[in-house]
Amino acid sequence: MKIDTDVLGQLLPNPLTMLAQLCATAILFFLMYKLAYKPIKKILDARSEYEQSRLSDADNLKKKYEDLHAEAEKEITDAKAEARQIINNAQDEGNRLKNNLIDEGKQKSQQIIDEAQNNITLQKNKMLDEMHGEIVDVALSAAEKLLQSKLDSKDDKDSINEFIKEVTNK
């Protein structure tokens, strides 16, 4: 049995080949670092910054939205309160106008009643004056008839009864 001593040579690489392979690998790593890693890292950093700025913009927009939403809610609440106040004022004004119209109606109706009563009183006084004038005329006519037929007291009584009949028949 013969042991091939060359096995050991085959297991261990040639130092010159090994050195050439190490240099080639170093050159490949250097070129990959310069040509691929730095530009890719730059692109990834730029993308990361871009995404980070978009996230911060989204946070800012969300905060603005929340502020605007809170402000809108406050304005809606204020508008509702103002609307309630306007409605209450309108109802109060309506009630005031209704009461004023009722009062004016009562005053006008009282004025009409007062005028009617004054007209009635004037008509009554006028009729009383006319009646008084007619009574005076009738009394004068009766006195004239009595004086014309002054015969006796029985005739006077008959004349008065006849006069009363005439007055009541008219």
N, C-alpha and C. Protein backbone atom coordinates (compact mmCIF):
# COMPACT_ATOMS: atom_id res chain seq x y z
N MET A 1 0.75 -1.15 0.00
CA MET A 1 0.00 0.00 0.00
C MET A 1 0.82 1.26 0.00
N LYS A 2 0.56 1.80 -0.89
CA LYS A 2 1.35 2.97 -1.11
C LYS A 2 0.44 4.18 -0.94
N ILE A 3 0.84 5.08 -0.16
CA ILE A 3 0.06 6.29 0.10
C ILE A 3 0.60 7.36 -0.85
N ASP A 4 -0.36 7.88 -1.49
CA ASP A 4 -0.02 8.92 -2.45
C ASP A 4 0.20 10.20 -1.66
N THR A 5 1.36 10.70 -1.75
CA THR A 5 1.69 11.90 -1.03
C THR A 5 1.12 13.11 -1.74
N ASP A 6 0.73 12.86 -2.87
CA ASP A 6 0.16 13.95 -3.62
C ASP A 6 -1.24 14.26 -3.14
N VAL A 7 -1.84 13.44 -2.35
CA VAL A 7 -3.17 13.68 -1.81
C VAL A 7 -3.12 14.94 -0.95
N LEU A 8 -2.10 15.04 -0.24
CA LEU A 8 -1.97 16.21 0.60
C LEU A 8 -1.86 17.45 -0.28
N GLY A 9 -1.21 17.36 -1.38
CA GLY A 9 -1.08 18.49 -2.29
C GLY A 9 -2.41 18.79 -2.95
N GLN A 10 -3.19 17.78 -3.13
CA GLN A 10 -4.48 18.00 -3.74
C GLN A 10 -5.46 18.59 -2.73
N LEU A 11 -5.30 18.29 -1.48
CA LEU A 11 -6.18 18.84 -0.46
C LEU A 11 -5.90 20.32 -0.20
N LEU A 12 -4.68 20.65 -0.20
CA LEU A 12 -4.32 22.04 0.02
C LEU A 12 -4.16 22.72 -1.33
N PRO A 13 -4.79 23.88 -1.52
CA PRO A 13 -4.69 24.54 -2.79
C PRO A 13 -3.29 25.16 -2.99
N ASN A 14 -3.09 25.51 -4.19
CA ASN A 14 -1.84 26.14 -4.53
C ASN A 14 -1.88 27.54 -3.97
N PRO A 15 -0.81 27.98 -3.26
CA PRO A 15 -0.84 29.29 -2.64
C PRO A 15 -0.96 30.40 -3.68
N LEU A 16 -0.39 30.23 -4.82
CA LEU A 16 -0.47 31.27 -5.82
C LEU A 16 -1.90 31.35 -6.36
N THR A 17 -2.56 30.24 -6.57
CA THR A 17 -3.93 30.22 -7.03
C THR A 17 -4.83 30.81 -5.95
N MET A 18 -4.51 30.44 -4.75
CA MET A 18 -5.32 30.94 -3.63
C MET A 18 -5.20 32.45 -3.53
N LEU A 19 -4.01 32.95 -3.71
CA LEU A 19 -3.78 34.39 -3.63
C LEU A 19 -4.51 35.07 -4.79
N ALA A 20 -4.47 34.51 -5.97
CA ALA A 20 -5.14 35.09 -7.12
C ALA A 20 -6.66 35.09 -6.91
N GLN A 21 -7.16 34.02 -6.35
CA GLN A 21 -8.61 33.94 -6.08
C GLN A 21 -9.01 34.95 -5.01
N LEU A 22 -8.19 35.09 -3.98
CA LEU A 22 -8.49 36.07 -2.93
C LEU A 22 -8.47 37.48 -3.51
N CYS A 23 -7.50 37.78 -4.38
CA CYS A 23 -7.43 39.11 -4.98
C CYS A 23 -8.65 39.34 -5.88
N ALA A 24 -9.01 38.33 -6.64
CA ALA A 24 -10.17 38.47 -7.53
C ALA A 24 -11.43 38.69 -6.70
N THR A 25 -11.56 37.96 -5.60
CA THR A 25 -12.73 38.12 -4.72
C THR A 25 -12.73 39.51 -4.11
N ALA A 26 -11.56 40.00 -3.69
CA ALA A 26 -11.47 41.34 -3.09
C ALA A 26 -11.85 42.39 -4.11
N ILE A 27 -11.38 42.21 -5.35
CA ILE A 27 -11.71 43.17 -6.40
C ILE A 27 -13.22 43.12 -6.67
N LEU A 28 -13.81 41.94 -6.70
CA LEU A 28 -15.26 41.82 -6.91
C LEU A 28 -16.05 42.49 -5.78
N PHE A 29 -15.62 42.26 -4.53
CA PHE A 29 -16.29 42.91 -3.39
C PHE A 29 -16.18 44.42 -3.48
N PHE A 30 -14.95 44.92 -3.84
CA PHE A 30 -14.73 46.35 -3.95
C PHE A 30 -15.62 46.92 -5.05
N LEU A 31 -15.66 46.28 -6.21
CA LEU A 31 -16.49 46.76 -7.31
C LEU A 31 -17.98 46.68 -6.95
N MET A 32 -18.38 45.61 -6.32
CA MET A 32 -19.78 45.49 -5.89
C MET A 32 -20.12 46.59 -4.87
N TYR A 33 -19.19 46.85 -3.97
CA TYR A 33 -19.42 47.89 -2.97
C TYR A 33 -19.56 49.24 -3.65
N LYS A 34 -18.64 49.57 -4.57
CA LYS A 34 -18.64 50.87 -5.22
C LYS A 34 -19.78 50.99 -6.22
N LEU A 35 -20.03 49.96 -7.01
CA LEU A 35 -20.98 50.07 -8.10
C LEU A 35 -22.40 49.69 -7.70
N ALA A 36 -22.59 48.83 -6.75
CA ALA A 36 -23.94 48.38 -6.42
C ALA A 36 -24.38 48.79 -5.03
N TYR A 37 -23.59 48.55 -4.02
CA TYR A 37 -24.02 48.76 -2.65
C TYR A 37 -24.30 50.23 -2.38
N LYS A 38 -23.36 51.15 -2.71
CA LYS A 38 -23.56 52.56 -2.42
C LYS A 38 -24.77 53.13 -3.16
N PRO A 39 -24.93 52.90 -4.47
CA PRO A 39 -26.10 53.44 -5.14
C PRO A 39 -27.41 52.84 -4.62
N ILE A 40 -27.40 51.55 -4.37
CA ILE A 40 -28.61 50.91 -3.85
C ILE A 40 -28.93 51.44 -2.45
N LYS A 41 -27.86 51.59 -1.62
CA LYS A 41 -28.08 52.15 -0.27
C LYS A 41 -28.60 53.58 -0.37
N LYS A 42 -28.09 54.37 -1.33
CA LYS A 42 -28.54 55.74 -1.52
C LYS A 42 -30.03 55.74 -1.93
N ILE A 43 -30.38 54.86 -2.86
CA ILE A 43 -31.78 54.76 -3.31
C ILE A 43 -32.67 54.33 -2.15
N LEU A 44 -32.24 53.35 -1.38
CA LEU A 44 -33.03 52.89 -0.23
C LEU A 44 -33.17 53.98 0.83
N ASP A 45 -32.09 54.75 1.07
CA ASP A 45 -32.17 55.84 2.05
C ASP A 45 -33.13 56.93 1.56
N ALA A 46 -33.05 57.24 0.26
CA ALA A 46 -33.95 58.25 -0.30
C ALA A 46 -35.40 57.77 -0.19
N ARG A 47 -35.61 56.51 -0.51
CA ARG A 47 -36.97 55.94 -0.41
C ARG A 47 -37.44 55.97 1.04
N SER A 48 -36.55 55.64 1.96
CA SER A 48 -36.90 55.66 3.39
C SER A 48 -37.27 57.08 3.84
N GLU A 49 -36.46 58.07 3.39
CA GLU A 49 -36.78 59.46 3.74
C GLU A 49 -38.12 59.89 3.13
N TYR A 50 -38.36 59.48 1.87
CA TYR A 50 -39.61 59.81 1.21
C TYR A 50 -40.80 59.22 1.96
N GLU A 51 -40.70 57.97 2.32
CA GLU A 51 -41.78 57.31 3.07
C GLU A 51 -41.95 57.95 4.44
N GLN A 52 -40.80 58.30 5.06
CA GLN A 52 -40.88 58.95 6.38
C GLN A 52 -41.57 60.31 6.26
N SER A 53 -41.24 61.07 5.18
CA SER A 53 -41.89 62.38 5.00
C SER A 53 -43.38 62.19 4.71
N ARG A 54 -43.73 61.16 3.95
CA ARG A 54 -45.15 60.90 3.70
C ARG A 54 -45.88 60.54 4.99
N LEU A 55 -45.23 59.76 5.86
CA LEU A 55 -45.84 59.42 7.15
C LEU A 55 -46.01 60.67 8.01
N SER A 56 -45.00 61.54 8.03
CA SER A 56 -45.13 62.76 8.85
C SER A 56 -46.19 63.68 8.24
N ASP A 57 -46.26 63.74 6.88
CA ASP A 57 -47.32 64.53 6.24
C ASP A 57 -48.69 63.97 6.58
N ALA A 58 -48.79 62.64 6.57
CA ALA A 58 -50.07 62.01 6.92
C ALA A 58 -50.44 62.32 8.36
N ASP A 59 -49.44 62.30 9.26
CA ASP A 59 -49.72 62.65 10.66
C ASP A 59 -50.16 64.10 10.77
N ASN A 60 -49.48 64.99 10.03
CA ASN A 60 -49.87 66.40 10.05
C ASN A 60 -51.29 66.59 9.50
N LEU A 61 -51.58 65.91 8.39
CA LEU A 61 -52.93 66.01 7.82
C LEU A 61 -53.97 65.45 8.76
N LYS A 62 -53.63 64.36 9.45
CA LYS A 62 -54.56 63.78 10.41
C LYS A 62 -54.81 64.77 11.56
N LYS A 63 -53.75 65.42 12.02
CA LYS A 63 -53.91 66.39 13.11
C LYS A 63 -54.76 67.58 12.63
N LYS A 64 -54.47 68.05 11.39
CA LYS A 64 -55.28 69.16 10.84
C LYS A 64 -56.74 68.74 10.71
N TYR A 65 -56.96 67.51 10.23
CA TYR A 65 -58.33 67.01 10.10
C TYR A 65 -59.03 66.99 11.45
N GLU A 66 -58.32 66.49 12.46
CA GLU A 66 -58.92 66.44 13.80
C GLU A 66 -59.21 67.84 14.31
N ASP A 67 -58.29 68.79 14.07
CA ASP A 67 -58.53 70.17 14.49
C ASP A 67 -59.73 70.76 13.75
N LEU A 68 -59.76 70.54 12.41
CA LEU A 68 -60.88 71.06 11.63
C LEU A 68 -62.19 70.39 12.03
N HIS A 69 -62.14 69.11 12.32
CA HIS A 69 -63.34 68.40 12.75
C HIS A 69 -63.83 68.95 14.09
N ALA A 70 -62.91 69.17 15.00
CA ALA A 70 -63.30 69.74 16.30
C ALA A 70 -63.88 71.14 16.12
N GLU A 71 -63.26 71.92 15.23
CA GLU A 71 -63.76 73.27 14.97
C GLU A 71 -65.14 73.23 14.32
N ALA A 72 -65.32 72.28 13.38
CA ALA A 72 -66.62 72.14 12.72
C ALA A 72 -67.68 71.71 13.73
N GLU A 73 -67.34 70.79 14.62
CA GLU A 73 -68.28 70.37 15.66
C GLU A 73 -68.66 71.55 16.54
N LYS A 74 -67.66 72.37 16.88
CA LYS A 74 -67.93 73.55 17.71
C LYS A 74 -68.84 74.52 16.96
N GLU A 75 -68.57 74.74 15.66
CA GLU A 75 -69.42 75.64 14.88
C GLU A 75 -70.83 75.09 14.74
N ILE A 76 -70.94 73.78 14.58
CA ILE A 76 -72.28 73.17 14.50
C ILE A 76 -73.02 73.37 15.81
N THR A 77 -72.33 73.15 16.92
CA THR A 77 -72.96 73.35 18.23
C THR A 77 -73.38 74.80 18.41
N ASP A 78 -72.47 75.73 18.01
CA ASP A 78 -72.81 77.15 18.11
C ASP A 78 -73.99 77.50 17.20
N ALA A 79 -74.00 76.93 16.00
CA ALA A 79 -75.09 77.21 15.06
C ALA A 79 -76.42 76.67 15.61
N LYS A 80 -76.37 75.49 16.23
CA LYS A 80 -77.60 74.95 16.82
C LYS A 80 -78.10 75.84 17.94
N ALA A 81 -77.16 76.31 18.79
CA ALA A 81 -77.56 77.19 19.88
C ALA A 81 -78.13 78.50 19.33
N GLU A 82 -77.49 79.03 18.28
CA GLU A 82 -77.98 80.26 17.68
C GLU A 82 -79.35 80.05 17.04
N ALA A 83 -79.53 78.89 16.40
CA ALA A 83 -80.83 78.58 15.79
C ALA A 83 -81.90 78.48 16.86
N ARG A 84 -81.57 77.83 17.98
CA ARG A 84 -82.54 77.75 19.09
C ARG A 84 -82.89 79.14 19.59
N GLN A 85 -81.87 80.01 19.70
CA GLN A 85 -82.10 81.38 20.18
C GLN A 85 -82.98 82.13 19.19
N ILE A 86 -82.72 81.96 17.89
CA ILE A 86 -83.53 82.65 16.88
C ILE A 86 -84.97 82.16 16.93
N ILE A 87 -85.14 80.85 17.10
CA ILE A 87 -86.50 80.29 17.19
C ILE A 87 -87.21 80.84 18.42
N ASN A 88 -86.51 80.86 19.55
CA ASN A 88 -87.12 81.39 20.78
C ASN A 88 -87.48 82.86 20.60
N ASN A 89 -86.58 83.64 19.98
CA ASN A 89 -86.87 85.06 19.75
C ASN A 89 -88.07 85.22 18.83
N ALA A 90 -88.13 84.38 17.79
CA ALA A 90 -89.25 84.46 16.85
C ALA A 90 -90.56 84.11 17.55
N GLN A 91 -90.52 83.09 18.40
CA GLN A 91 -91.73 82.72 19.14
C GLN A 91 -92.14 83.85 20.08
N ASP A 92 -91.17 84.45 20.77
CA ASP A 92 -91.49 85.56 21.66
C ASP A 92 -92.07 86.73 20.87
N GLU A 93 -91.45 87.03 19.71
CA GLU A 93 -91.94 88.12 18.87
C GLU A 93 -93.35 87.81 18.36
N GLY A 94 -93.57 86.55 17.97
CA GLY A 94 -94.90 86.15 17.52
C GLY A 94 -95.94 86.31 18.61
N ASN A 95 -95.59 85.88 19.82
CA ASN A 95 -96.52 86.02 20.95
C ASN A 95 -96.78 87.49 21.25
N ARG A 96 -95.70 88.31 21.16
CA ARG A 96 -95.87 89.74 21.43
C ARG A 96 -96.79 90.36 20.37
N LEU A 97 -96.57 90.00 19.10
CA LEU A 97 -97.42 90.53 18.04
C LEU A 97 -98.87 90.07 18.20
N LYS A 98 -99.04 88.80 18.57
CA LYS A 98 -100.38 88.26 18.77
C LYS A 98 -101.09 89.04 19.88
N ASN A 99 -100.37 89.26 21.00
CA ASN A 99 -100.95 90.00 22.12
C ASN A 99 -101.26 91.43 21.72
N ASN A 100 -100.36 92.05 20.92
CA ASN A 100 -100.62 93.42 20.45
C ASN A 100 -101.86 93.47 19.57
N LEU A 101 -101.98 92.48 18.66
CA LEU A 101 -103.16 92.45 17.79
C LEU A 101 -104.43 92.22 18.60
N ILE A 102 -104.36 91.36 19.58
CA ILE A 102 -105.53 91.12 20.44
C ILE A 102 -105.91 92.40 21.17
N ASP A 103 -104.89 93.08 21.72
CA ASP A 103 -105.15 94.33 22.44
C ASP A 103 -105.74 95.39 21.51
N GLU A 104 -105.16 95.49 20.28
CA GLU A 104 -105.70 96.46 19.32
C GLU A 104 -107.14 96.12 18.95
N GLY A 105 -107.40 94.82 18.77
CA GLY A 105 -108.77 94.40 18.44
C GLY A 105 -109.73 94.75 19.57
N LYS A 106 -109.29 94.51 20.80
CA LYS A 106 -110.15 94.86 21.94
C LYS A 106 -110.38 96.36 22.00
N GLN A 107 -109.32 97.14 21.75
CA GLN A 107 -109.47 98.59 21.79
C GLN A 107 -110.41 99.07 20.68
N LYS A 108 -110.23 98.50 19.48
CA LYS A 108 -111.11 98.92 18.37
C LYS A 108 -112.55 98.51 18.63
N SER A 109 -112.74 97.30 19.16
CA SER A 109 -114.12 96.88 19.42
C SER A 109 -114.73 97.74 20.53
N GLN A 110 -113.93 98.07 21.54
CA GLN A 110 -114.43 98.94 22.61
C GLN A 110 -114.74 100.33 22.04
N GLN A 111 -113.89 100.79 21.13
CA GLN A 111 -114.14 102.09 20.50
C GLN A 111 -115.43 102.05 19.68
N ILE A 112 -115.65 100.97 18.95
CA ILE A 112 -116.88 100.83 18.15
C ILE A 112 -118.09 100.77 19.07
N ILE A 113 -117.96 100.02 20.18
CA ILE A 113 -119.07 99.94 21.15
C ILE A 113 -119.36 101.31 21.74
N ASP A 114 -118.29 102.04 22.10
CA ASP A 114 -118.47 103.38 22.67
C ASP A 114 -119.14 104.31 21.67
N GLU A 115 -118.68 104.24 20.39
CA GLU A 115 -119.31 105.08 19.36
C GLU A 115 -120.77 104.70 19.18
N ALA A 116 -121.07 103.40 19.19
CA ALA A 116 -122.46 102.95 19.05
C ALA A 116 -123.30 103.45 20.22
N GLN A 117 -122.73 103.34 21.42
CA GLN A 117 -123.49 103.83 22.58
C GLN A 117 -123.70 105.34 22.49
N ASN A 118 -122.70 106.07 22.01
CA ASN A 118 -122.86 107.52 21.84
C ASN A 118 -123.94 107.81 20.80
N ASN A 119 -123.92 107.04 19.69
CA ASN A 119 -124.96 107.23 18.67
C ASN A 119 -126.34 106.91 19.22
N ILE A 120 -126.41 105.82 20.00
CA ILE A 120 -127.69 105.46 20.61
C ILE A 120 -128.16 106.56 21.54
N THR A 121 -127.24 107.08 22.34
CA THR A 121 -127.60 108.15 23.28
C THR A 121 -128.05 109.38 22.50
N LEU A 122 -127.32 109.72 21.42
CA LEU A 122 -127.72 110.89 20.62
C LEU A 122 -129.09 110.67 19.98
N GLN A 123 -129.30 109.46 19.42
CA GLN A 123 -130.60 109.15 18.81
C GLN A 123 -131.71 109.20 19.86
N LYS A 124 -131.40 108.64 21.03
CA LYS A 124 -132.40 108.64 22.12
C LYS A 124 -132.74 110.08 22.52
N ASN A 125 -131.70 110.91 22.68
CA ASN A 125 -131.94 112.31 23.06
C ASN A 125 -132.71 113.04 21.97
N LYS A 126 -132.36 112.74 20.70
CA LYS A 126 -133.06 113.36 19.58
C LYS A 126 -134.53 112.95 19.58
N MET A 127 -134.76 111.64 19.80
CA MET A 127 -136.14 111.16 19.82
C MET A 127 -136.91 111.75 21.01
N LEU A 128 -136.20 111.84 22.14
CA LEU A 128 -136.87 112.45 23.29
C LEU A 128 -137.22 113.91 23.02
N ASP A 129 -136.31 114.62 22.36
CA ASP A 129 -136.59 116.01 22.02
C ASP A 129 -137.78 116.09 21.06
N GLU A 130 -137.78 115.19 20.05
CA GLU A 130 -138.89 115.17 19.11
C GLU A 130 -140.20 114.82 19.82
N MET A 131 -140.13 113.82 20.72
CA MET A 131 -141.33 113.45 21.47
C MET A 131 -141.80 114.61 22.34
N HIS A 132 -140.82 115.27 22.93
CA HIS A 132 -141.18 116.40 23.78
C HIS A 132 -141.88 117.49 22.96
N GLY A 133 -141.32 117.73 21.75
CA GLY A 133 -141.94 118.72 20.86
C GLY A 133 -143.34 118.29 20.46
N GLU A 134 -143.51 116.99 20.14
CA GLU A 134 -144.82 116.51 19.75
C GLU A 134 -145.80 116.59 20.92
N ILE A 135 -145.28 116.25 22.12
CA ILE A 135 -146.16 116.32 23.30
C ILE A 135 -146.61 117.77 23.52
N VAL A 136 -145.67 118.68 23.33
CA VAL A 136 -146.04 120.10 23.50
C VAL A 136 -147.09 120.47 22.45
N ASP A 137 -146.86 120.03 21.19
CA ASP A 137 -147.85 120.32 20.14
C ASP A 137 -149.19 119.70 20.46
N VAL A 138 -149.16 118.48 20.96
CA VAL A 138 -150.41 117.79 21.29
C VAL A 138 -151.10 118.51 22.46
N ALA A 139 -150.29 118.88 23.44
CA ALA A 139 -150.90 119.57 24.58
C ALA A 139 -151.51 120.90 24.16
N LEU A 140 -150.81 121.57 23.24
CA LEU A 140 -151.36 122.83 22.74
C LEU A 140 -152.64 122.58 21.95
N SER A 141 -152.65 121.52 21.16
CA SER A 141 -153.86 121.19 20.40
C SER A 141 -154.98 120.84 21.36
N ALA A 142 -154.66 120.09 22.40
CA ALA A 142 -155.68 119.72 23.37
C ALA A 142 -156.20 120.95 24.09
N ALA A 143 -155.29 121.82 24.44
CA ALA A 143 -155.72 123.03 25.15
C ALA A 143 -156.58 123.87 24.23
N GLU A 144 -156.22 123.91 22.97
CA GLU A 144 -157.00 124.67 22.01
C GLU A 144 -158.39 124.09 21.86
N LYS A 145 -158.49 122.78 21.79
CA LYS A 145 -159.79 122.14 21.67
C LYS A 145 -160.61 122.38 22.93
N LEU A 146 -159.94 122.31 24.05
CA LEU A 146 -160.67 122.54 25.30
C LEU A 146 -161.21 123.97 25.36
N LEU A 147 -160.40 124.87 24.92
CA LEU A 147 -160.83 126.26 24.97
C LEU A 147 -161.97 126.52 23.97
N GLN A 148 -161.95 125.85 22.86
CA GLN A 148 -162.98 126.03 21.86
C GLN A 148 -164.31 125.42 22.35
N SER A 149 -164.22 124.34 22.99
CA SER A 149 -165.47 123.72 23.40
C SER A 149 -165.61 123.74 24.91
N LYS A 150 -165.47 124.84 25.48
CA LYS A 150 -165.57 124.98 26.92
C LYS A 150 -167.04 125.09 27.28
N LEU A 151 -167.65 123.99 27.32
CA LEU A 151 -169.06 123.98 27.60
C LEU A 151 -169.32 123.63 29.05
N ASP A 152 -168.88 122.49 29.43
CA ASP A 152 -169.04 122.11 30.83
C ASP A 152 -167.97 121.11 31.18
N SER A 153 -167.92 120.65 32.40
CA SER A 153 -166.85 119.77 32.85
C SER A 153 -167.04 118.39 32.28
N LYS A 154 -168.27 118.01 31.97
CA LYS A 154 -168.50 116.72 31.35
C LYS A 154 -167.93 116.74 29.96
N ASP A 155 -168.09 117.80 29.24
CA ASP A 155 -167.50 117.92 27.91
C ASP A 155 -165.97 117.92 28.00
N ASP A 156 -165.45 118.52 29.06
CA ASP A 156 -163.98 118.52 29.25
C ASP A 156 -163.47 117.10 29.41
N LYS A 157 -164.15 116.33 30.22
CA LYS A 157 -163.74 114.94 30.43
C LYS A 157 -163.86 114.17 29.13
N ASP A 158 -164.92 114.37 28.39
CA ASP A 158 -165.08 113.67 27.12
C ASP A 158 -163.98 114.08 26.13
N SER A 159 -163.65 115.35 26.09
CA SER A 159 -162.61 115.85 25.19
C SER A 159 -161.25 115.26 25.55
N ILE A 160 -160.95 115.16 26.82
CA ILE A 160 -159.67 114.59 27.27
C ILE A 160 -159.62 113.12 26.92
N ASN A 161 -160.71 112.39 27.17
CA ASN A 161 -160.75 110.96 26.81
C ASN A 161 -160.57 110.78 25.31
N GLU A 162 -161.22 111.63 24.53
CA GLU A 162 -161.08 111.54 23.08
C GLU A 162 -159.65 111.86 22.66
N PHE A 163 -159.05 112.83 23.29
CA PHE A 163 -157.66 113.19 23.00
C PHE A 163 -156.71 112.04 23.32
N ILE A 164 -156.92 111.35 24.44
CA ILE A 164 -156.09 110.21 24.85
C ILE A 164 -156.24 109.09 23.84
N LYS A 165 -157.45 108.88 23.35
CA LYS A 165 -157.68 107.86 22.35
C LYS A 165 -156.93 108.19 21.06
N GLU A 166 -156.95 109.44 20.67
CA GLU A 166 -156.24 109.87 19.46
C GLU A 166 -154.72 109.68 19.62
N VAL A 167 -154.22 110.03 20.77
CA VAL A 167 -152.76 109.92 21.00
C VAL A 167 -152.33 108.47 21.02
N THR A 168 -153.13 107.60 21.67
CA THR A 168 -152.75 106.21 21.76
C THR A 168 -152.91 105.49 20.43
N ASN A 169 -153.80 105.95 19.56
CA ASN A 169 -154.00 105.32 18.25
C ASN A 169 -152.91 105.72 17.28
N LYS A 170 -152.29 106.84 17.43
CA LYS A 170 -151.24 107.26 16.52
C LYS A 170 -150.08 106.42 16.78
